[in-house]
């Protein structure tokens, strides 16, 4: 049920979709179900609709048992490499290198002054301009040669497509590479089949890393467009034969159904938005809804789980808040909760640009 690639008319100024909110501002909700209408009768469906009774609000009770060990603060750093580099940052913007292209985008965390001269910032291939609010449309300006909506990229040997979206994003979030490497190591060292659930999966890089490492992957995202992009990336990466199940659905509803059906996963990744609203009035509030989703994630782990990774792009909190939540949620499970921030190391002056908070339970 993946959506086909955007047509030429969609390029550069894109219609707002339920794109993943990756900044510190509200974006459209990606939990809400977006099963496409008018699907051809012969088109395979990623979601099987089953009539089930309405789900009551989850009653949360504090878990009994000893809290997991803790390791904090843990700073996971992404250094410049041939696939990606943060060249410079400052004055509310960041200068990045994605493969052969240099890109300038807004970055609210970069409150310091630029280290490189102005000509370096002007010698770029794409600049995000216009309305930079996450609920509005922005435009890309191409100072050199006009570029299409997509361009070929790599991550650790995995081919995928970078994308110029109207929400300033480019289809990949390089700071997540630390989590991807950690997950790949867990899968490769497990010595057994591993099932991975990737909630709010966006364009699928984490799913592709997991599948390449040998896992069976379930990828869930409420955006039909993002599912289409992810499946396109799978084919481009040459991983079409790998077992990835693409689900276009509300992440909370999917997780609740997995619990009712007794399905389990060894690794769960979830990166929910701070706020969102779906087409049927569904509302997601991070601080109100996150405890229930974290509790469900614990409930759908296999008897011998490996890890649960939570990432939060929200500046209203500190990592101590989600660290305490994860320790409480996994009380009695043993293991360790590691929490801190994801950062990208700058190439020009060596400064660290913080991108998000995280807390992960490791068995």
Protein backbone atom coordinates (compact mmCIF):
# COMPACT_ATOMS: atom_id res chain seq x y z
CA UNK A 1 0.00 0.00 0.00
CA UNK A 2 3.01 2.23 -0.42
CA UNK A 3 2.38 5.43 -2.26
CA UNK A 4 4.09 5.95 -5.58
CA UNK A 5 6.92 8.44 -5.83
CA UNK A 6 5.95 12.10 -6.08
CA UNK A 7 5.14 13.41 -9.53
CA UNK A 8 6.97 16.30 -11.10
CA UNK A 9 4.19 18.63 -10.00
CA UNK A 10 4.93 17.78 -6.36
CA UNK A 11 8.54 18.90 -6.50
CA UNK A 12 10.09 21.59 -4.36
CA UNK A 13 6.87 23.02 -2.93
CA UNK A 14 5.19 20.00 -1.44
CA UNK A 15 1.70 19.69 -0.04
CA UNK A 16 1.86 19.24 3.73
CA UNK A 17 1.72 15.59 4.73
CA UNK A 18 1.80 13.88 8.08
CA UNK A 19 5.53 14.13 7.93
CA UNK A 20 7.50 13.13 10.97
CA UNK A 21 7.98 15.95 13.44
CA UNK A 22 11.68 15.97 13.97
CA UNK A 23 12.17 19.42 15.42
CA UNK A 24 11.16 21.04 18.66
CA UNK A 25 7.95 22.44 17.23
CA UNK A 26 4.64 20.75 16.58
CA UNK A 27 4.18 18.87 13.33
CA UNK A 28 1.21 16.99 11.93
CA UNK A 29 0.45 13.76 13.80
CA UNK A 30 1.96 10.58 12.46
CA UNK A 31 0.08 8.30 14.84
CA UNK A 32 -3.22 8.71 13.06
CA UNK A 33 -4.31 6.05 10.59
CA UNK A 34 -3.87 7.08 6.96
CA UNK A 35 -4.98 3.99 5.06
CA UNK A 36 -5.34 5.19 1.46
CA UNK A 37 -8.73 5.43 -0.17
CA UNK A 38 -9.42 4.12 -3.67
CA UNK A 39 -6.88 1.30 -3.45
CA UNK A 40 -7.02 -1.06 -6.41
CA UNK A 41 -8.64 -4.41 -5.61
CA UNK A 42 -5.48 -6.26 -6.61
CA UNK A 43 -3.14 -4.00 -4.65
CA UNK A 44 -1.53 -5.75 -1.64
CA UNK A 45 -2.45 -4.18 1.67
CA UNK A 46 0.02 -3.60 4.50
CA UNK A 47 -2.85 -3.43 6.98
CA UNK A 48 -5.55 -6.03 7.50
CA UNK A 49 -8.62 -4.42 9.02
CA UNK A 50 -10.10 -6.58 11.75
CA UNK A 51 -13.29 -5.64 13.57
CA UNK A 52 -12.29 -5.33 17.20
CA UNK A 53 -13.98 -3.76 20.22
CA UNK A 54 -12.97 -0.21 21.17
CA UNK A 55 -9.92 -0.06 23.40
CA UNK A 56 -10.41 1.50 26.82
CA UNK A 57 -7.91 4.00 28.13
CA UNK A 58 -4.92 2.14 29.49
CA UNK A 59 -4.75 1.97 33.28
CA UNK A 60 -1.13 2.48 34.28
CA UNK A 61 0.25 1.04 37.48
CA UNK A 62 3.77 1.36 38.75
CA UNK A 63 5.83 -1.74 38.02
CA UNK A 64 7.11 -3.71 40.97
CA UNK A 65 10.71 -4.81 41.23
CA UNK A 66 14.20 -3.37 41.34
CA UNK A 67 14.86 -0.54 38.93
CA UNK A 68 17.31 -1.29 36.10
CA UNK A 69 20.87 -0.11 36.51
CA UNK A 70 21.56 3.30 35.03
CA UNK A 71 24.23 4.92 32.92
CA UNK A 72 24.04 8.65 32.44
CA UNK A 73 24.69 11.05 31.01
CA UNK A 74 25.56 9.18 27.83
CA UNK A 75 26.43 11.40 24.88
CA UNK A 76 26.19 9.58 21.55
CA UNK A 77 28.20 11.43 18.95
CA UNK A 78 28.18 11.37 15.16
CA UNK A 79 31.48 12.57 13.70
CA UNK A 80 31.99 13.86 10.15
CA UNK A 81 32.38 11.11 7.54
CA UNK A 82 32.20 10.71 3.78
CA UNK A 83 28.42 10.24 3.83
CA UNK A 84 27.54 13.14 6.12
CA UNK A 85 29.21 16.07 7.90
CA UNK A 86 28.03 19.04 9.91
CA UNK A 87 30.39 21.58 8.38
CA UNK A 88 29.48 24.61 10.49
CA UNK A 89 26.62 26.04 12.54
CA UNK A 90 25.53 29.27 14.16
CA UNK A 91 23.07 32.16 14.00
CA UNK A 92 20.16 29.72 14.02
CA UNK A 93 21.33 27.71 11.00
CA UNK A 94 23.48 24.70 10.13
CA UNK A 95 25.68 24.04 7.11
CA UNK A 96 25.72 20.33 6.21
CA UNK A 97 27.35 18.07 3.66
CA UNK A 98 25.23 15.17 2.34
CA UNK A 99 27.41 13.23 -0.06
CA UNK A 100 28.24 15.68 -2.89
CA UNK A 101 25.78 18.37 -1.78
CA UNK A 102 26.07 21.24 0.68
CA UNK A 103 22.82 22.30 2.35
CA UNK A 104 21.80 25.14 4.68
CA UNK A 105 18.84 24.58 7.02
CA UNK A 106 17.38 26.29 10.11
CA UNK A 107 18.65 25.03 13.47
CA UNK A 108 17.22 26.63 16.60
CA UNK A 109 19.83 25.04 18.88
CA UNK A 110 22.72 26.80 17.11
CA UNK A 111 22.65 29.97 19.21
CA UNK A 112 26.36 30.72 18.81
CA UNK A 113 28.24 32.52 16.02
CA UNK A 114 29.39 30.87 12.80
CA UNK A 115 33.01 29.77 12.61
CA UNK A 116 33.40 29.82 8.82
CA UNK A 117 33.34 32.94 6.61
CA UNK A 118 30.23 33.99 4.70
CA UNK A 119 31.52 32.76 1.34
CA UNK A 120 31.58 29.21 2.69
CA UNK A 121 27.91 29.51 3.61
CA UNK A 122 27.08 30.98 0.20
CA UNK A 123 28.86 28.19 -1.71
CA UNK A 124 26.03 25.71 -1.30
CA UNK A 125 23.66 23.65 -3.42
CA UNK A 126 20.39 24.11 -1.50
CA UNK A 127 19.00 26.52 1.11
CA UNK A 128 15.72 26.11 2.98
CA UNK A 129 13.85 29.42 2.95
CA UNK A 130 10.40 30.89 3.43
CA UNK A 131 7.94 29.79 6.06
CA UNK A 132 9.93 27.68 8.52
CA UNK A 133 7.05 26.89 10.87
CA UNK A 134 6.48 23.14 11.10
CA UNK A 135 2.79 23.58 10.31
CA UNK A 136 3.47 25.62 7.20
CA UNK A 137 5.19 25.28 3.87
CA UNK A 138 8.78 26.13 3.17
CA UNK A 139 10.72 26.30 -0.07
CA UNK A 140 14.15 25.22 -1.19
CA UNK A 141 16.35 27.63 -3.11
CA UNK A 142 19.10 26.24 -5.34
CA UNK A 143 21.90 28.84 -5.79
CA UNK A 144 23.79 26.72 -8.33
CA UNK A 145 21.99 24.12 -10.42
CA UNK A 146 18.27 23.43 -9.86
CA UNK A 147 17.93 20.03 -8.20
CA UNK A 148 15.03 17.61 -8.24
CA UNK A 149 13.11 16.49 -5.21
CA UNK A 150 15.45 13.56 -4.56
CA UNK A 151 19.13 12.77 -4.85
CA UNK A 152 21.10 9.53 -4.25
CA UNK A 153 22.75 9.14 -0.86
CA UNK A 154 24.52 6.50 1.22
CA UNK A 155 24.73 5.51 4.86
CA UNK A 156 27.38 2.96 5.74
CA UNK A 157 27.05 1.35 2.32
CA UNK A 158 23.24 1.49 2.22
CA UNK A 159 21.90 3.44 -0.75
CA UNK A 160 18.82 5.61 -0.22
CA UNK A 161 17.27 8.82 -1.53
CA UNK A 162 17.70 12.17 0.15
CA UNK A 163 14.61 14.35 -0.24
CA UNK A 164 13.90 18.06 -0.19
CA UNK A 165 10.64 18.21 1.79
CA UNK A 166 8.52 21.24 2.58
CA UNK A 167 9.18 20.73 6.29
CA UNK A 168 12.94 21.40 5.97
CA UNK A 169 13.77 17.69 6.43
CA UNK A 170 15.85 15.69 3.95
CA UNK A 171 14.65 12.14 4.56
CA UNK A 172 17.37 11.10 7.01
CA UNK A 173 18.40 12.12 10.52
CA UNK A 174 22.13 11.42 10.76
CA UNK A 175 22.29 11.77 14.55
CA UNK A 176 20.35 8.49 14.76
CA UNK A 177 23.34 6.60 13.31
CA UNK A 178 24.57 5.92 16.86
CA UNK A 179 21.38 4.02 17.62
CA UNK A 180 21.52 2.19 14.28
CA UNK A 181 25.07 0.98 14.94
CA UNK A 182 24.15 -0.16 18.44
CA UNK A 183 21.10 -2.02 17.16
CA UNK A 184 23.04 -3.69 14.37
CA UNK A 185 25.58 -4.97 16.90
CA UNK A 186 22.84 -6.43 19.10
CA UNK A 187 21.27 -8.22 16.12
CA UNK A 188 24.54 -9.60 14.79
CA UNK A 189 25.69 -10.86 18.21
CA UNK A 190 22.35 -12.38 19.19
CA UNK A 191 23.08 -15.72 17.51
CA UNK A 192 19.37 -16.26 16.89
CA UNK A 193 16.50 -14.79 14.85
CA UNK A 194 15.66 -11.25 15.98
CA UNK A 195 12.38 -9.39 15.48
CA UNK A 196 12.53 -5.57 15.34
CA UNK A 197 9.57 -3.18 15.62
CA UNK A 198 10.21 0.34 14.31
CA UNK A 199 7.38 2.68 15.35
CA UNK A 200 7.17 6.12 13.70
CA UNK A 201 9.64 4.68 11.20
CA UNK A 202 9.66 7.57 8.67
CA UNK A 203 11.74 6.83 5.54
CA UNK A 204 13.15 3.58 6.87
CA UNK A 205 16.90 3.87 7.38
CA UNK A 206 16.69 2.18 10.78
CA UNK A 207 14.55 -0.57 9.28
CA UNK A 208 17.05 -1.10 6.46
CA UNK A 209 19.99 -1.27 8.89
CA UNK A 210 18.13 -3.84 10.99
CA UNK A 211 17.15 -5.93 7.97
CA UNK A 212 20.67 -5.88 6.55
CA UNK A 213 21.95 -7.09 9.93
CA UNK A 214 19.66 -10.11 9.72
CA UNK A 215 16.52 -9.07 11.61
CA UNK A 216 12.89 -9.54 10.67
CA UNK A 217 11.48 -6.01 10.70
CA UNK A 218 8.04 -4.49 11.17
CA UNK A 219 8.01 -0.82 10.15
CA UNK A 220 5.03 1.31 11.23
CA UNK A 221 4.24 4.86 10.15
CA UNK A 222 0.99 6.79 9.79
CA UNK A 223 2.14 8.64 6.67
CA UNK A 224 1.35 6.85 3.42
CA UNK A 225 3.88 9.06 1.65
CA UNK A 226 6.63 8.13 4.13
CA UNK A 227 5.83 4.42 3.70
CA UNK A 228 6.18 4.87 -0.05
CA UNK A 229 9.54 6.59 0.41
CA UNK A 230 10.71 3.82 2.74
CA UNK A 231 9.80 1.07 0.28
CA UNK A 232 11.55 2.99 -2.48
CA UNK A 233 14.65 3.18 -0.29
CA UNK A 234 14.48 -0.58 0.30
CA UNK A 235 14.61 -1.25 -3.44
CA UNK A 236 17.35 1.31 -4.00
CA UNK A 237 19.43 -0.30 -1.25
CA UNK A 238 19.14 -3.71 -2.91
CA UNK A 239 17.37 -5.11 0.15
CA UNK A 240 14.11 -6.00 -1.57
CA UNK A 241 14.40 -9.64 -0.53
CA UNK A 242 14.85 -8.81 3.16
CA UNK A 243 11.87 -9.46 5.48
CA UNK A 244 10.43 -6.01 6.13
CA UNK A 245 6.70 -5.62 6.77
CA UNK A 246 5.48 -2.11 5.95
CA UNK A 247 2.47 -0.99 8.01
CA UNK A 248 0.67 2.30 7.36
CA UNK A 249 -1.24 2.83 10.60
CA UNK A 250 -1.56 4.65 13.90
CA UNK A 251 1.44 3.53 15.96
CA UNK A 252 -0.44 3.35 19.26
CA UNK A 253 -3.30 1.35 17.76
CA UNK A 254 -0.88 -1.05 16.12
CA UNK A 255 1.05 -1.59 19.36
CA UNK A 256 -2.17 -2.14 21.31
CA UNK A 257 -3.29 -4.77 18.81
CA UNK A 258 0.05 -6.55 19.02
CA UNK A 259 -0.41 -6.78 22.79
CA UNK A 260 -3.92 -8.21 22.45
CA UNK A 261 -2.71 -10.79 19.95
CA UNK A 262 0.32 -11.78 21.99
CA UNK A 263 2.89 -10.78 19.37
CA UNK A 264 6.40 -9.98 20.62
CA UNK A 265 9.55 -8.21 19.48
CA UNK A 266 13.18 -8.40 20.59
CA UNK A 267 14.05 -4.76 19.79
CA UNK A 268 11.63 -1.83 19.70
CA UNK A 269 12.48 1.62 18.38
CA UNK A 270 10.05 4.48 18.94
CA UNK A 271 10.51 8.14 18.19
CA UNK A 272 7.14 9.83 18.74
CA UNK A 273 6.32 13.47 17.96
CA UNK A 274 5.81 16.05 20.69
CA UNK A 275 2.34 16.88 19.40
CA UNK A 276 0.13 15.84 16.55
CA UNK A 277 -3.44 15.66 15.32
CA UNK A 278 -4.80 13.10 12.92
CA UNK A 279 -7.50 13.38 10.22
CA UNK A 280 -10.15 11.82 12.49
CA UNK A 281 -9.42 14.08 15.42
CA UNK A 282 -6.84 11.80 17.06
CA UNK A 283 -4.53 13.82 19.30
CA UNK A 284 -1.07 12.82 20.44
CA UNK A 285 0.54 14.69 23.34
CA UNK A 286 4.02 13.42 24.17
CA UNK A 287 3.91 13.95 27.92
CA UNK A 288 0.35 12.67 28.25
CA UNK A 289 0.56 9.65 25.93
CA UNK A 290 4.19 8.55 26.16
CA UNK A 291 3.85 6.61 29.45
CA UNK A 292 1.13 4.40 27.98
CA UNK A 293 3.09 3.73 24.79
CA UNK A 294 6.23 2.91 26.78
CA UNK A 295 4.20 0.51 28.91
CA UNK A 296 2.82 -1.21 25.80
CA UNK A 297 6.32 -1.52 24.37
CA UNK A 298 7.37 -3.41 27.49
CA UNK A 299 4.29 -5.62 27.19
CA UNK A 300 5.10 -6.67 23.61
CA UNK A 301 8.69 -7.70 24.22
CA UNK A 302 9.69 -11.32 23.70
CA UNK A 303 10.77 -13.46 26.70
CA UNK A 304 14.41 -12.74 25.83
CA UNK A 305 14.40 -9.12 24.62
CA UNK A 306 17.44 -7.12 23.59
CA UNK A 307 16.59 -3.41 23.76
CA UNK A 308 13.99 -0.67 23.64
CA UNK A 309 15.12 2.71 22.27
CA UNK A 310 13.14 5.92 22.85
CA UNK A 311 14.14 9.19 21.18
CA UNK A 312 12.45 12.52 21.99
CA UNK A 313 12.89 15.69 19.98
CA UNK A 314 11.46 17.98 22.64
CA UNK A 315 13.09 20.86 24.49
CA UNK A 316 10.36 21.02 27.17
CA UNK A 317 12.01 18.09 28.88
CA UNK A 318 15.43 16.86 29.90
CA UNK A 319 16.76 13.37 29.40
CA UNK A 320 16.30 12.85 33.15
CA UNK A 321 12.51 12.84 32.62
CA UNK A 322 12.45 10.09 29.99
CA UNK A 323 15.25 8.30 31.86
CA UNK A 324 13.06 8.06 34.97
CA UNK A 325 10.08 6.95 32.87
CA UNK A 326 12.06 4.15 31.21
CA UNK A 327 13.53 2.92 34.52
CA UNK A 328 10.07 2.83 36.07
CA UNK A 329 8.60 1.10 33.02
CA UNK A 330 11.27 -1.61 32.98
CA UNK A 331 11.43 -2.19 36.75
CA UNK A 332 11.96 -5.86 37.48
CA UNK A 333 13.43 -6.54 34.03
CA UNK A 334 17.08 -6.12 35.01
CA UNK A 335 19.35 -4.65 32.38
CA UNK A 336 20.42 -1.02 32.15
CA UNK A 337 18.75 2.22 31.11
CA UNK A 338 21.19 4.48 29.27
CA UNK A 339 20.09 8.08 28.73
CA UNK A 340 21.50 11.28 27.40
CA UNK A 341 21.62 13.28 24.20
CA UNK A 342 22.34 12.66 20.53
CA UNK A 343 24.86 15.14 19.16
CA UNK A 344 26.61 15.85 15.89
CA UNK A 345 30.23 16.96 16.06
CA UNK A 346 30.90 20.05 13.98
CA UNK A 347 33.71 19.99 11.44
CA UNK A 348 34.68 23.68 11.53
CA UNK A 349 35.14 24.51 15.22
CA UNK A 350 34.56 21.13 16.84
CA UNK A 351 31.43 22.23 18.69
CA UNK A 352 28.72 19.72 19.59
CA UNK A 353 25.24 20.35 18.19
CA UNK A 354 22.61 18.67 20.36
CA UNK A 355 19.73 17.28 18.30
CA UNK A 356 17.57 15.23 20.67
CA UNK A 357 17.21 13.36 23.95
CA UNK A 358 17.13 9.59 24.31
CA UNK A 359 16.71 6.81 26.83
CA UNK A 360 17.24 3.15 25.95
CA UNK A 361 16.79 0.00 28.00
CA UNK A 362 19.32 -2.69 27.20
CA UNK A 363 18.83 -6.22 28.52
